[in-house]
Amino acid sequence: MTLSLNIRNLFNDSSSHALVDELRKRTSEKEILDFEEKFNSKNEKNLHIYICRFLKNRSISRGLASKWLVTIIKNKESKINALQKLNN
């Protein structure tokens, strides 16, 4: 199933299953960050919000959620650190 990255009403069964499948497919940091960037550019809420909801609803494993969230957070922190170095 192909997932449209523009997800408005995500929490119907088919679109949430499709997104979870997309999360499972991507294993490298680059794939994760590329998907996050595309997803966030086409949706009102950022991907980490959906991952947290999936985790809360037990739709994905803790391991998968933590892998994605750690990758996303580390990327954001490195961007913040790079900007802080530019401003100093």
PDB file of N, CA and C in Angstrom:
ATOM      1  N   MET A   1       0.840  -1.170   0.000  1.00  0.00           N
ATOM      2  CA  MET A   1       0.000   0.000   0.000  1.00  0.00           C
ATOM      3  C   MET A   1       0.889   1.239   0.000  1.00  0.00           C
ATOM      4  N   THR A   2       0.575   2.183  -0.850  1.00  0.00           N
ATOM      5  CA  THR A   2       1.319   3.434  -0.902  1.00  0.00           C
ATOM      6  C   THR A   2       0.678   4.421   0.054  1.00  0.00           C
ATOM      7  N   LEU A   3       1.504   5.113   0.796  1.00  0.00           N
ATOM      8  CA  LEU A   3       1.021   6.065   1.783  1.00  0.00           C
ATOM      9  C   LEU A   3       1.154   7.467   1.237  1.00  0.00           C
ATOM     10  N   SER A   4       0.049   8.178   1.181  1.00  0.00           N
ATOM     11  CA  SER A   4       0.115   9.595   0.859  1.00  0.00           C
ATOM     12  C   SER A   4       0.659  10.290   2.094  1.00  0.00           C
ATOM     13  N   LEU A   5       1.628  11.155   1.892  1.00  0.00           N
ATOM     14  CA  LEU A   5       2.231  11.812   3.044  1.00  0.00           C
ATOM     15  C   LEU A   5       1.337  12.888   3.640  1.00  0.00           C
ATOM     16  N   ASN A   6       0.261  13.233   2.967  1.00  0.00           N
ATOM     17  CA  ASN A   6      -0.651  14.237   3.500  1.00  0.00           C
ATOM     18  C   ASN A   6      -1.759  13.519   4.259  1.00  0.00           C
ATOM     19  N   ILE A   7      -1.625  13.469   5.559  1.00  0.00           N
ATOM     20  CA  ILE A   7      -2.559  12.709   6.391  1.00  0.00           C
ATOM     21  C   ILE A   7      -3.325  13.684   7.271  1.00  0.00           C
ATOM     22  N   ARG A   8      -4.587  13.849   6.993  1.00  0.00           N
ATOM     23  CA  ARG A   8      -5.411  14.759   7.792  1.00  0.00           C
ATOM     24  C   ARG A   8      -6.070  14.016   8.944  1.00  0.00           C
ATOM     25  N   ASN A   9      -6.847  13.004   8.637  1.00  0.00           N
ATOM     26  CA  ASN A   9      -7.527  12.218   9.671  1.00  0.00           C
ATOM     27  C   ASN A   9      -6.799  10.896   9.820  1.00  0.00           C
ATOM     28  N   LEU A  10      -5.663  10.960  10.477  1.00  0.00           N
ATOM     29  CA  LEU A  10      -4.762   9.820  10.507  1.00  0.00           C
ATOM     30  C   LEU A  10      -5.339   8.611  11.212  1.00  0.00           C
ATOM     31  N   PHE A  11      -6.155   8.814  12.185  1.00  0.00           N
ATOM     32  CA  PHE A  11      -6.468   7.694  13.048  1.00  0.00           C
ATOM     33  C   PHE A  11      -7.636   6.846  12.579  1.00  0.00           C
ATOM     34  N   ASN A  12      -7.837   6.780  11.255  1.00  0.00           N
ATOM     35  CA  ASN A  12      -8.664   5.691  10.770  1.00  0.00           C
ATOM     36  C   ASN A  12      -7.727   4.503  10.583  1.00  0.00           C
ATOM     37  N   ASP A  13      -8.266   3.316  10.607  1.00  0.00           N
ATOM     38  CA  ASP A  13      -7.426   2.116  10.661  1.00  0.00           C
ATOM     39  C   ASP A  13      -6.464   1.984   9.495  1.00  0.00           C
ATOM     40  N   SER A  14      -6.926   2.205   8.288  1.00  0.00           N
ATOM     41  CA  SER A  14      -6.060   1.945   7.137  1.00  0.00           C
ATOM     42  C   SER A  14      -4.901   2.926   7.056  1.00  0.00           C
ATOM     43  N   SER A  15      -5.140   4.192   7.325  1.00  0.00           N
ATOM     44  CA  SER A  15      -4.038   5.153   7.232  1.00  0.00           C
ATOM     45  C   SER A  15      -3.058   5.004   8.390  1.00  0.00           C
ATOM     46  N   SER A  16      -3.537   4.666   9.576  1.00  0.00           N
ATOM     47  CA  SER A  16      -2.598   4.479  10.684  1.00  0.00           C
ATOM     48  C   SER A  16      -1.755   3.226  10.466  1.00  0.00           C
ATOM     49  N   HIS A  17      -2.345   2.162   9.936  1.00  0.00           N
ATOM     50  CA  HIS A  17      -1.576   0.952   9.631  1.00  0.00           C
ATOM     51  C   HIS A  17      -0.551   1.239   8.537  1.00  0.00           C
ATOM     52  N   ALA A  18      -0.940   2.026   7.553  1.00  0.00           N
ATOM     53  CA  ALA A  18      -0.018   2.367   6.466  1.00  0.00           C
ATOM     54  C   ALA A  18       1.165   3.171   6.994  1.00  0.00           C
ATOM     55  N   LEU A  19       0.905   4.108   7.910  1.00  0.00           N
ATOM     56  CA  LEU A  19       1.996   4.903   8.464  1.00  0.00           C
ATOM     57  C   LEU A  19       2.920   4.027   9.317  1.00  0.00           C
ATOM     58  N   VAL A  20       2.365   3.155  10.110  1.00  0.00           N
ATOM     59  CA  VAL A  20       3.191   2.253  10.917  1.00  0.00           C
ATOM     60  C   VAL A  20       4.047   1.377   9.997  1.00  0.00           C
ATOM     61  N   ASP A  21       3.476   0.905   8.905  1.00  0.00           N
ATOM     62  CA  ASP A  21       4.257   0.124   7.940  1.00  0.00           C
ATOM     63  C   ASP A  21       5.408   0.944   7.368  1.00  0.00           C
ATOM     64  N   GLU A  22       5.143   2.214   7.077  1.00  0.00           N
ATOM     65  CA  GLU A  22       6.196   3.098   6.566  1.00  0.00           C
ATOM     66  C   GLU A  22       7.293   3.299   7.610  1.00  0.00           C
ATOM     67  N   LEU A  23       6.922   3.425   8.863  1.00  0.00           N
ATOM     68  CA  LEU A  23       7.911   3.583   9.928  1.00  0.00           C
ATOM     69  C   LEU A  23       8.784   2.333  10.039  1.00  0.00           C
ATOM     70  N   ARG A  24       8.185   1.175   9.895  1.00  0.00           N
ATOM     71  CA  ARG A  24       8.930  -0.078  10.006  1.00  0.00           C
ATOM     72  C   ARG A  24       9.896  -0.276   8.839  1.00  0.00           C
ATOM     73  N   LYS A  25       9.544   0.243   7.666  1.00  0.00           N
ATOM     74  CA  LYS A  25      10.376   0.057   6.473  1.00  0.00           C
ATOM     75  C   LYS A  25      11.713   0.772   6.568  1.00  0.00           C
ATOM     76  N   ARG A  26      11.714   1.914   7.208  1.00  0.00           N
ATOM     77  CA  ARG A  26      12.918   2.744   7.235  1.00  0.00           C
ATOM     78  C   ARG A  26      13.782   2.376   8.426  1.00  0.00           C
ATOM     79  N   THR A  27      15.040   2.027   8.125  1.00  0.00           N
ATOM     80  CA  THR A  27      15.908   1.552   9.196  1.00  0.00           C
ATOM     81  C   THR A  27      17.120   2.447   9.433  1.00  0.00           C
ATOM     82  N   SER A  28      17.609   3.118   8.407  1.00  0.00           N
ATOM     83  CA  SER A  28      18.797   3.956   8.598  1.00  0.00           C
ATOM     84  C   SER A  28      18.393   5.350   9.058  1.00  0.00           C
ATOM     85  N   GLU A  29      19.332   6.045   9.701  1.00  0.00           N
ATOM     86  CA  GLU A  29      19.050   7.411  10.152  1.00  0.00           C
ATOM     87  C   GLU A  29      18.659   8.301   8.983  1.00  0.00           C
ATOM     88  N   LYS A  30      19.344   8.163   7.867  1.00  0.00           N
ATOM     89  CA  LYS A  30      19.049   8.985   6.700  1.00  0.00           C
ATOM     90  C   LYS A  30      17.625   8.750   6.208  1.00  0.00           C
ATOM     91  N   GLU A  31      17.213   7.486   6.122  1.00  0.00           N
ATOM     92  CA  GLU A  31      15.855   7.168   5.680  1.00  0.00           C
ATOM     93  C   GLU A  31      14.822   7.748   6.649  1.00  0.00           C
ATOM     94  N   ILE A  32      15.099   7.633   7.933  1.00  0.00           N
ATOM     95  CA  ILE A  32      14.189   8.149   8.951  1.00  0.00           C
ATOM     96  C   ILE A  32      14.060   9.658   8.832  1.00  0.00           C
ATOM     97  N   LEU A  33      15.189  10.359   8.730  1.00  0.00           N
ATOM     98  CA  LEU A  33      15.157  11.824   8.672  1.00  0.00           C
ATOM     99  C   LEU A  33      14.579  12.328   7.359  1.00  0.00           C
ATOM    100  N   ASP A  34      14.830  11.631   6.270  1.00  0.00           N
ATOM    101  CA  ASP A  34      14.231  12.019   4.987  1.00  0.00           C
ATOM    102  C   ASP A  34      12.715  11.882   5.037  1.00  0.00           C
ATOM    103  N   PHE A  35      12.247  10.757   5.590  1.00  0.00           N
ATOM    104  CA  PHE A  35      10.802  10.549   5.700  1.00  0.00           C
ATOM    105  C   PHE A  35      10.178  11.595   6.614  1.00  0.00           C
ATOM    106  N   GLU A  36      10.832  11.872   7.735  1.00  0.00           N
ATOM    107  CA  GLU A  36      10.306  12.870   8.671  1.00  0.00           C
ATOM    108  C   GLU A  36      10.177  14.228   7.996  1.00  0.00           C
ATOM    109  N   GLU A  37      11.197  14.623   7.252  1.00  0.00           N
ATOM    110  CA  GLU A  37      11.166  15.922   6.578  1.00  0.00           C
ATOM    111  C   GLU A  37      10.012  15.996   5.577  1.00  0.00           C
ATOM    112  N   LYS A  38       9.846  14.960   4.769  1.00  0.00           N
ATOM    113  CA  LYS A  38       8.746  14.946   3.789  1.00  0.00           C
ATOM    114  C   LYS A  38       7.391  14.952   4.489  1.00  0.00           C
ATOM    115  N   PHE A  39       7.275  14.124   5.532  1.00  0.00           N
ATOM    116  CA  PHE A  39       6.012  14.018   6.258  1.00  0.00           C
ATOM    117  C   PHE A  39       5.642  15.359   6.888  1.00  0.00           C
ATOM    118  N   ASN A  40       6.604  15.976   7.574  1.00  0.00           N
ATOM    119  CA  ASN A  40       6.333  17.232   8.274  1.00  0.00           C
ATOM    120  C   ASN A  40       5.994  18.366   7.308  1.00  0.00           C
ATOM    121  N   SER A  41       6.535  18.325   6.104  1.00  0.00           N
ATOM    122  CA  SER A  41       6.262  19.389   5.141  1.00  0.00           C
ATOM    123  C   SER A  41       4.852  19.306   4.572  1.00  0.00           C
ATOM    124  N   LYS A  42       4.204  18.146   4.712  1.00  0.00           N
ATOM    125  CA  LYS A  42       2.887  17.959   4.106  1.00  0.00           C
ATOM    126  C   LYS A  42       1.755  17.782   5.122  1.00  0.00           C
ATOM    127  N   ASN A  43       2.049  17.906   6.387  1.00  0.00           N
ATOM    128  CA  ASN A  43       1.040  17.673   7.421  1.00  0.00           C
ATOM    129  C   ASN A  43       1.057  18.786   8.453  1.00  0.00           C
ATOM    130  N   GLU A  44      -0.097  19.005   9.062  1.00  0.00           N
ATOM    131  CA  GLU A  44      -0.209  20.046  10.082  1.00  0.00           C
ATOM    132  C   GLU A  44       0.583  19.702  11.334  1.00  0.00           C
ATOM    133  N   LYS A  45       0.561  18.445  11.721  1.00  0.00           N
ATOM    134  CA  LYS A  45       1.275  18.007  12.929  1.00  0.00           C
ATOM    135  C   LYS A  45       2.516  17.242  12.519  1.00  0.00           C
ATOM    136  N   ASN A  46       3.566  17.421  13.275  1.00  0.00           N
ATOM    137  CA  ASN A  46       4.826  16.752  12.975  1.00  0.00           C
ATOM    138  C   ASN A  46       4.747  15.264  13.283  1.00  0.00           C
ATOM    139  N   LEU A  47       5.608  14.517  12.629  1.00  0.00           N
ATOM    140  CA  LEU A  47       5.621  13.063  12.743  1.00  0.00           C
ATOM    141  C   LEU A  47       5.794  12.590  14.177  1.00  0.00           C
ATOM    142  N   HIS A  48       6.604  13.291  14.972  1.00  0.00           N
ATOM    143  CA  HIS A  48       6.826  12.821  16.347  1.00  0.00           C
ATOM    144  C   HIS A  48       5.529  12.796  17.156  1.00  0.00           C
ATOM    145  N   ILE A  49       4.580  13.673  16.826  1.00  0.00           N
ATOM    146  CA  ILE A  49       3.274  13.669  17.509  1.00  0.00           C
ATOM    147  C   ILE A  49       2.551  12.349  17.225  1.00  0.00           C
ATOM    148  N   TYR A  50       2.558  11.930  15.957  1.00  0.00           N
ATOM    149  CA  TYR A  50       1.894  10.686  15.590  1.00  0.00           C
ATOM    150  C   TYR A  50       2.593   9.482  16.218  1.00  0.00           C
ATOM    151  N   ILE A  51       3.916   9.504  16.234  1.00  0.00           N
ATOM    152  CA  ILE A  51       4.662   8.398  16.843  1.00  0.00           C
ATOM    153  C   ILE A  51       4.298   8.283  18.326  1.00  0.00           C
ATOM    154  N   CYS A  52       4.225   9.417  19.015  1.00  0.00           N
ATOM    155  CA  CYS A  52       3.848   9.392  20.439  1.00  0.00           C
ATOM    156  C   CYS A  52       2.434   8.871  20.630  1.00  0.00           C
ATOM    157  N   ARG A  53       1.517   9.247  19.746  1.00  0.00           N
ATOM    158  CA  ARG A  53       0.143   8.727  19.848  1.00  0.00           C
ATOM    159  C   ARG A  53       0.106   7.231  19.599  1.00  0.00           C
ATOM    160  N   PHE A  54       0.865   6.776  18.590  1.00  0.00           N
ATOM    161  CA  PHE A  54       0.932   5.340  18.346  1.00  0.00           C
ATOM    162  C   PHE A  54       1.477   4.612  19.564  1.00  0.00           C
ATOM    163  N   LEU A  55       2.486   5.174  20.182  1.00  0.00           N
ATOM    164  CA  LEU A  55       3.085   4.573  21.361  1.00  0.00           C
ATOM    165  C   LEU A  55       2.076   4.519  22.507  1.00  0.00           C
ATOM    166  N   LYS A  56       1.365   5.616  22.713  1.00  0.00           N
ATOM    167  CA  LYS A  56       0.359   5.674  23.769  1.00  0.00           C
ATOM    168  C   LYS A  56      -0.746   4.640  23.531  1.00  0.00           C
ATOM    169  N   ASN A  57      -1.153   4.505  22.264  1.00  0.00           N
ATOM    170  CA  ASN A  57      -2.225   3.558  21.915  1.00  0.00           C
ATOM    171  C   ASN A  57      -1.722   2.139  21.696  1.00  0.00           C
ATOM    172  N   ARG A  58      -0.418   1.943  21.899  1.00  0.00           N
ATOM    173  CA  ARG A  58       0.223   0.639  21.723  1.00  0.00           C
ATOM    174  C   ARG A  58       0.074   0.105  20.306  1.00  0.00           C
ATOM    175  N   SER A  59       0.126   1.030  19.336  1.00  0.00           N
ATOM    176  CA  SER A  59       0.043   0.640  17.933  1.00  0.00           C
ATOM    177  C   SER A  59       1.405   0.264  17.364  1.00  0.00           C
ATOM    178  N   ILE A  60       2.473   0.700  18.044  1.00  0.00           N
ATOM    179  CA  ILE A  60       3.830   0.335  17.634  1.00  0.00           C
ATOM    180  C   ILE A  60       4.614  -0.088  18.872  1.00  0.00           C
ATOM    181  N   SER A  61       5.702  -0.772  18.621  1.00  0.00           N
ATOM    182  CA  SER A  61       6.517  -1.240  19.741  1.00  0.00           C
ATOM    183  C   SER A  61       7.300  -0.082  20.350  1.00  0.00           C
ATOM    184  N   ARG A  62       7.686  -0.243  21.600  1.00  0.00           N
ATOM    185  CA  ARG A  62       8.516   0.760  22.267  1.00  0.00           C
ATOM    186  C   ARG A  62       9.857   0.888  21.567  1.00  0.00           C
ATOM    187  N   GLY A  63      10.373  -0.222  21.067  1.00  0.00           N
ATOM    188  CA  GLY A  63      11.657  -0.201  20.379  1.00  0.00           C
ATOM    189  C   GLY A  63      11.613   0.624  19.103  1.00  0.00           C
ATOM    190  N   LEU A  64      10.569   0.426  18.307  1.00  0.00           N
ATOM    191  CA  LEU A  64      10.432   1.185  17.069  1.00  0.00           C
ATOM    192  C   LEU A  64      10.232   2.666  17.369  1.00  0.00           C
ATOM    193  N   ALA A  65       9.366   2.960  18.312  1.00  0.00           N
ATOM    194  CA  ALA A  65       9.109   4.362  18.667  1.00  0.00           C
ATOM    195  C   ALA A  65      10.375   5.023  19.188  1.00  0.00           C
ATOM    196  N   SER A  66      11.107   4.334  20.044  1.00  0.00           N
ATOM    197  CA  SER A  66      12.313   4.939  20.607  1.00  0.00           C
ATOM    198  C   SER A  66      13.369   5.166  19.539  1.00  0.00           C
ATOM    199  N   LYS A  67      13.492   4.248  18.602  1.00  0.00           N
ATOM    200  CA  LYS A  67      14.460   4.420  17.518  1.00  0.00           C
ATOM    201  C   LYS A  67      14.153   5.693  16.722  1.00  0.00           C
ATOM    202  N   TRP A  68      12.894   5.863  16.360  1.00  0.00           N
ATOM    203  CA  TRP A  68      12.495   7.044  15.593  1.00  0.00           C
ATOM    204  C   TRP A  68      12.642   8.309  16.421  1.00  0.00           C
ATOM    205  N   LEU A  69      12.156   8.294  17.647  1.00  0.00           N
ATOM    206  CA  LEU A  69      12.199   9.504  18.467  1.00  0.00           C
ATOM    207  C   LEU A  69      13.632   9.911  18.814  1.00  0.00           C
ATOM    208  N   VAL A  70      14.492   8.955  19.133  1.00  0.00           N
ATOM    209  CA  VAL A  70      15.890   9.279  19.427  1.00  0.00           C
ATOM    210  C   VAL A  70      16.559   9.874  18.194  1.00  0.00           C
ATOM    211  N   THR A  71      16.317   9.294  17.035  1.00  0.00           N
ATOM    212  CA  THR A  71      16.902   9.814  15.791  1.00  0.00           C
ATOM    213  C   THR A  71      16.429  11.230  15.520  1.00  0.00           C
ATOM    214  N   ILE A  72      15.133  11.469  15.663  1.00  0.00           N
ATOM    215  CA  ILE A  72      14.566  12.802  15.415  1.00  0.00           C
ATOM    216  C   ILE A  72      15.115  13.825  16.412  1.00  0.00           C
ATOM    217  N   ILE A  73      15.161  13.449  17.692  1.00  0.00           N
ATOM    218  CA  ILE A  73      15.642  14.368  18.734  1.00  0.00           C
ATOM    219  C   ILE A  73      17.119  14.679  18.556  1.00  0.00           C
ATOM    220  N   LYS A  74      17.925  13.661  18.272  1.00  0.00           N
ATOM    221  CA  LYS A  74      19.358  13.898  18.054  1.00  0.00           C
ATOM    222  C   LYS A  74      19.581  14.840  16.878  1.00  0.00           C
ATOM    223  N   ASN A  75      18.799  14.685  15.827  1.00  0.00           N
ATOM    224  CA  ASN A  75      18.912  15.562  14.665  1.00  0.00           C
ATOM    225  C   ASN A  75      18.553  17.001  15.028  1.00  0.00           C
ATOM    226  N   LYS A  76      17.476  17.181  15.772  1.00  0.00           N
ATOM    227  CA  LYS A  76      17.064  18.529  16.189  1.00  0.00           C
ATOM    228  C   LYS A  76      18.122  19.160  17.085  1.00  0.00           C
ATOM    229  N   GLU A  77      18.666  18.366  18.016  1.00  0.00           N
ATOM    230  CA  GLU A  77      19.697  18.895  18.917  1.00  0.00           C
ATOM    231  C   GLU A  77      20.951  19.312  18.151  1.00  0.00           C
ATOM    232  N   SER A  78      21.337  18.522  17.168  1.00  0.00           N
ATOM    233  CA  SER A  78      22.529  18.891  16.395  1.00  0.00           C
ATOM    234  C   SER A  78      22.299  20.158  15.587  1.00  0.00           C
ATOM    235  N   LYS A  79      21.078  20.348  15.081  1.00  0.00           N
ATOM    236  CA  LYS A  79      20.757  21.588  14.366  1.00  0.00           C
ATOM    237  C   LYS A  79      20.788  22.785  15.311  1.00  0.00           C
ATOM    238  N   ILE A  80      20.254  22.613  16.498  1.00  0.00           N
ATOM    239  CA  ILE A  80      20.263  23.691  17.496  1.00  0.00           C
ATOM    240  C   ILE A  80      21.692  24.036  17.883  1.00  0.00           C
ATOM    241  N   ASN A  81      22.516  23.025  18.136  1.00  0.00           N
ATOM    242  CA  ASN A  81      23.917  23.267  18.498  1.00  0.00           C
ATOM    243  C   ASN A  81      24.670  23.979  17.384  1.00  0.00           C
ATOM    244  N   ALA A  82      24.416  23.607  16.146  1.00  0.00           N
ATOM    245  CA  ALA A  82      25.074  24.262  15.017  1.00  0.00           C
ATOM    246  C   ALA A  82      24.661  25.732  14.925  1.00  0.00           C
ATOM    247  N   LEU A  83      23.384  26.013  15.153  1.00  0.00           N
ATOM    248  CA  LEU A  83      22.921  27.408  15.128  1.00  0.00           C
ATOM    249  C   LEU A  83      23.495  28.213  16.285  1.00  0.00           C
ATOM    250  N   GLN A  84      23.607  27.581  17.456  1.00  0.00           N
ATOM    251  CA  GLN A  84      24.188  28.282  18.605  1.00  0.00           C
ATOM    252  C   GLN A  84      25.651  28.626  18.345  1.00  0.00           C
ATOM    253  N   LYS A  85      26.380  27.742  17.713  1.00  0.00           N
ATOM    254  CA  LYS A  85      27.790  28.008  17.396  1.00  0.00           C
ATOM    255  C   LYS A  85      27.920  29.156  16.397  1.00  0.00           C
ATOM    256  N   LEU A  86      26.982  29.241  15.472  1.00  0.00           N
ATOM    257  CA  LEU A  86      27.005  30.342  14.500  1.00  0.00           C
ATOM    258  C   LEU A  86      26.740  31.691  15.170  1.00  0.00           C
ATOM    259  N   ASN A  87      25.893  31.669  16.190  1.00  0.00           N
ATOM    260  CA  ASN A  87      25.533  32.924  16.873  1.00  0.00           C
ATOM    261  C   ASN A  87      26.550  33.358  17.910  1.00  0.00           C
ATOM    262  N   ASN A  88      27.498  32.516  18.267  1.00  0.00           N
ATOM    263  CA  ASN A  88      28.514  32.876  19.274  1.00  0.00           C
ATOM    264  C   ASN A  88      29.750  33.424  18.652  1.00  0.00           C
TER     265      ASN A  88
END
